C-alpha atoms as a PDB file:
ATOM      1  CA  MET A   1      58.999  -4.480 -92.766  1.00  0.00           C
ATOM      2  CA  ASP A   2      57.314  -1.235 -91.666  1.00  0.00           C
ATOM      3  CA  ARG A   3      53.554  -0.876 -92.153  1.00  0.00           C
ATOM      4  CA  GLU A   4      53.911   1.616 -94.892  1.00  0.00           C
ATOM      5  CA  GLU A   5      55.931  -0.979 -97.050  1.00  0.00           C
ATOM      6  CA  LEU A   6      53.605  -3.588 -96.064  1.00  0.00           C
ATOM      7  CA  ALA A   7      50.425  -1.559 -96.831  1.00  0.00           C
ATOM      8  CA  GLY A   8      52.508  -1.042-100.320  1.00  0.00           C
ATOM      9  CA  LEU A   9      52.702  -4.263-100.958  1.00  0.00           C
ATOM     10  CA  LEU A  10      49.166  -5.047-100.196  1.00  0.00           C
ATOM     11  CA  VAL A  11      48.056  -3.884-104.249  1.00  0.00           C
ATOM     12  CA  GLY A  12      46.201  -6.634-105.317  1.00  0.00           C
ATOM     13  CA  VAL A  13      42.016  -5.529-106.499  1.00  0.00           C
ATOM     14  CA  ASP A  14      41.008  -8.921-104.598  1.00  0.00           C
ATOM     15  CA  ALA A  15      38.798  -8.537-101.247  1.00  0.00           C
ATOM     16  CA  ALA A  16      41.418  -9.966 -99.021  1.00  0.00           C
ATOM     17  CA  SER A  17      44.261  -7.918-100.285  1.00  0.00           C
ATOM     18  CA  MET A  18      42.021  -5.045-100.142  1.00  0.00           C
ATOM     19  CA  GLY A  19      40.347  -5.860 -96.629  1.00  0.00           C
ATOM     20  CA  CYS A  20      43.880  -6.640 -95.508  1.00  0.00           C
ATOM     21  CA  ARG A  21      45.276  -3.250 -96.632  1.00  0.00           C
ATOM     22  CA  ARG A  22      42.865  -1.281 -95.121  1.00  0.00           C
ATOM     23  CA  ALA A  23      43.335  -2.812 -91.802  1.00  0.00           C
ATOM     24  CA  VAL A  24      47.303  -2.315 -91.938  1.00  0.00           C
ATOM     25  CA  SER A  25      46.687   1.442 -92.777  1.00  0.00           C
ATOM     26  CA  ALA A  26      44.225   2.022 -89.853  1.00  0.00           C
ATOM     27  CA  GLY A  27      46.682   0.560 -87.658  1.00  0.00           C
ATOM     28  CA  ALA A  28      46.175  -3.178 -86.983  1.00  0.00           C
ATOM     29  CA  ARG A  29      48.393  -5.645 -85.680  1.00  0.00           C
ATOM     30  CA  TYR A  30      50.919  -7.505 -87.810  1.00  0.00           C
ATOM     31  CA  TRP A  31      53.815  -9.333 -88.315  1.00  0.00           C
ATOM     32  CA  VAL A  32      56.041 -10.112 -91.169  1.00  0.00           C
ATOM     33  CA  GLU A  33      58.772 -13.062 -91.384  1.00  0.00           C
ATOM     34  CA  HIS A  34      62.666 -11.511 -91.734  1.00  0.00           C
ATOM     35  CA  GLN A  35      65.278 -12.486 -94.406  1.00  0.00           C
ATOM     36  CA  THR A  36      66.955 -14.432 -91.279  1.00  0.00           C
ATOM     37  CA  ASP A  37      63.628 -16.679 -90.864  1.00  0.00           C
ATOM     38  CA  ARG A  38      63.565 -19.501 -92.841  1.00  0.00           C
ATOM     39  CA  PRO A  39      60.984 -19.464 -96.047  1.00  0.00           C
ATOM     40  CA  VAL A  40      58.893 -22.529 -96.697  1.00  0.00           C
ATOM     41  CA  PRO A  41      58.310 -24.251 -99.898  1.00  0.00           C
ATOM     42  CA  ALA A  42      55.320 -22.973-101.542  1.00  0.00           C
ATOM     43  CA  SER A  43      53.587 -26.913-101.736  1.00  0.00           C
ATOM     44  CA  HIS A  44      54.069 -27.424 -98.440  1.00  0.00           C
ATOM     45  CA  LEU A  45      52.195 -24.453 -97.458  1.00  0.00           C
ATOM     46  CA  ALA A  46      49.793 -25.168-100.027  1.00  0.00           C
ATOM     47  CA  ARG A  47      48.703 -28.583 -98.662  1.00  0.00           C
ATOM     48  CA  ILE A  48      48.395 -27.017 -95.119  1.00  0.00           C
ATOM     49  CA  TYR A  49      45.952 -24.050 -96.334  1.00  0.00           C
ATOM     50  CA  ALA A  50      44.176 -26.498 -98.009  1.00  0.00           C
ATOM     51  CA  GLY A  51      43.242 -28.768 -95.252  1.00  0.00           C
ATOM     52  CA  ARG A  52      42.629 -25.684 -93.280  1.00  0.00           C
ATOM     53  CA  GLN A  53      40.271 -24.350 -96.002  1.00  0.00           C
ATOM     54  CA  ARG A  54      38.288 -27.735 -95.457  1.00  0.00           C
ATOM     55  CA  ARG A  55      38.235 -27.559 -91.522  1.00  0.00           C
ATOM     56  CA  VAL A  56      36.960 -23.443 -91.592  1.00  0.00           C
ATOM     57  CA  ARG A  57      34.575 -24.524 -94.198  1.00  0.00           C
ATOM     58  CA  LYS A  58      33.192 -27.576 -92.421  1.00  0.00           C
ATOM     59  CA  ALA A  59      33.030 -24.901 -89.045  1.00  0.00           C
ATOM     60  CA  GLY A  60      30.949 -22.366 -91.064  1.00  0.00           C
ATOM     61  CA  ARG A  61      33.210 -19.459 -90.747  1.00  0.00           C
ATOM     62  CA  PRO A  62      33.473 -16.841 -93.195  1.00  0.00           C
ATOM     63  CA  THR A  63      36.827 -16.862 -95.304  1.00  0.00           C
ATOM     64  CA  THR A  64      37.805 -14.599 -98.013  1.00  0.00           C
ATOM     65  CA  GLY A  65      40.551 -15.411-100.867  1.00  0.00           C
ATOM     66  CA  PHE A  66      41.271 -18.945 -99.609  1.00  0.00           C
ATOM     67  CA  ALA A  67      40.594 -20.772-102.698  1.00  0.00           C
ATOM     68  CA  GLU A  68      42.781 -18.377-104.750  1.00  0.00           C
ATOM     69  CA  ALA A  69      45.495 -18.500-102.215  1.00  0.00           C
ATOM     70  CA  VAL A  70      45.560 -22.195-102.476  1.00  0.00           C
ATOM     71  CA  ALA A  71      45.881 -22.301-106.090  1.00  0.00           C
ATOM     72  CA  VAL A  72      48.950 -19.666-106.178  1.00  0.00           C
ATOM     73  CA  LEU A  73      50.898 -21.812-103.569  1.00  0.00           C
ATOM     74  CA  ARG A  74      50.235 -24.667-105.703  1.00  0.00           C
ATOM     75  CA  ALA A  75      51.181 -22.611-108.607  1.00  0.00           C
ATOM     76  CA  GLN A  76      54.499 -21.663-106.524  1.00  0.00           C
ATOM     77  CA  GLY A  77      55.623 -25.304-106.486  1.00  0.00           C
ATOM     78  CA  GLU A  78      58.945 -25.286-104.282  1.00  0.00           C
ATOM     79  CA  ARG A  79      59.582 -21.629-104.260  1.00  0.00           C
ATOM     80  CA  PRO A  80      60.562 -20.358-101.485  1.00  0.00           C
ATOM     81  CA  ILE A  81      57.718 -18.474 -99.646  1.00  0.00           C
ATOM     82  CA  ARG A  82      57.512 -16.292 -96.192  1.00  0.00           C
ATOM     83  CA  LEU A  83      54.361 -15.526 -94.127  1.00  0.00           C
ATOM     84  CA  GLY A  84      52.914 -12.167 -92.482  1.00  0.00           C
ATOM     85  CA  ALA A  85      49.743 -12.075 -90.426  1.00  0.00           C
ATOM     86  CA  VAL A  86      47.268  -8.978 -89.684  1.00  0.00           C
ATOM     87  CA  ASP A  87      45.072  -9.265 -86.784  1.00  0.00           C
ATOM     88  CA  VAL A  88      41.815  -6.822 -86.966  1.00  0.00           C
ATOM     89  CA  ALA A  89      39.736  -6.215 -83.662  1.00  0.00           C
ATOM     90  CA  GLU A  90      36.637  -5.764 -85.086  1.00  0.00           C
ATOM     91  CA  PRO A  91      34.844  -7.064 -87.198  1.00  0.00           C
ATOM     92  CA  PRO A  92      37.467 -10.306 -85.778  1.00  0.00           C
ATOM     93  CA  TYR A  93      39.466 -11.240 -88.733  1.00  0.00           C
ATOM     94  CA  HIS A  94      42.662 -12.660 -89.265  1.00  0.00           C
ATOM     95  CA  TYR A  95      44.570 -12.481 -92.319  1.00  0.00           C
ATOM     96  CA  MET A  96      47.393 -14.352 -93.567  1.00  0.00           C
ATOM     97  CA  LEU A  97      49.705 -13.478 -95.951  1.00  0.00           C
ATOM     98  CA  PHE A  98      52.339 -15.322 -98.427  1.00  0.00           C
ATOM     99  CA  LEU A  99      55.147 -12.976 -99.626  1.00  0.00           C
ATOM    100  CA  ASP A 100      58.033 -14.080-101.789  1.00  0.00           C
ATOM    101  CA  GLU A 101      61.379 -14.865-100.593  1.00  0.00           C
ATOM    102  CA  HIS A 102      62.858 -11.652-100.474  1.00  0.00           C
ATOM    103  CA  LEU A 103      59.631  -9.899 -98.814  1.00  0.00           C
ATOM    104  CA  THR A 104      59.158  -7.534-102.567  1.00  0.00           C
ATOM    105  CA  LYS A 105      55.755  -8.916-103.350  1.00  0.00           C
ATOM    106  CA  VAL A 106      52.718 -10.291-101.141  1.00  0.00           C
ATOM    107  CA  LEU A 107      51.492 -13.491-103.541  1.00  0.00           C
ATOM    108  CA  ALA A 108      48.270 -13.802-102.049  1.00  0.00           C
ATOM    109  CA  VAL A 109      46.474 -13.054 -98.750  1.00  0.00           C
ATOM    110  CA  ILE A 110      43.555 -15.335 -96.992  1.00  0.00           C
ATOM    111  CA  GLY A 111      41.210 -13.787 -94.371  1.00  0.00           C
ATOM    112  CA  VAL A 112      39.409 -15.693 -92.002  1.00  0.00           C
ATOM    113  CA  ARG A 113      36.705 -14.630 -89.470  1.00  0.00           C
ATOM    114  CA  ARG A 114      37.969 -15.394 -85.851  1.00  0.00           C
ATOM    115  CA  ARG A 115      35.818 -16.782 -83.608  1.00  0.00           C
ATOM    116  CA  PRO A 116      34.330 -14.444 -81.106  1.00  0.00           C
ATOM    117  CA  GLU A 117      35.842 -14.399 -77.875  1.00  0.00           C
ATOM    118  CA  PRO A 118      33.803 -15.896 -74.869  1.00  0.00           C
END
């Protein structure tokens, strides 16, 4: 998936989608699973990311879109989900993208502030 196509899929009005779209458009490093990669059931990802949400909240790290993304994943049930990610250098953020099986829609985005490098 090229940069323009990914930016075009990040059409949400939530803070996580908008921040991720700005980062992609500005040249941030990104990856998206390919059609040949095996998608993961949404319910499995919902459990994983609910746990991660608790851990990052406990660590006091700023996030955006976490609760909304977990709710979207739960609502998707067993539908196959593909993943993507965007890394931003400044401010240091990592975005996780949850896409439909055919890579035609971004269903949810999570942004997590990365720990500063030592």
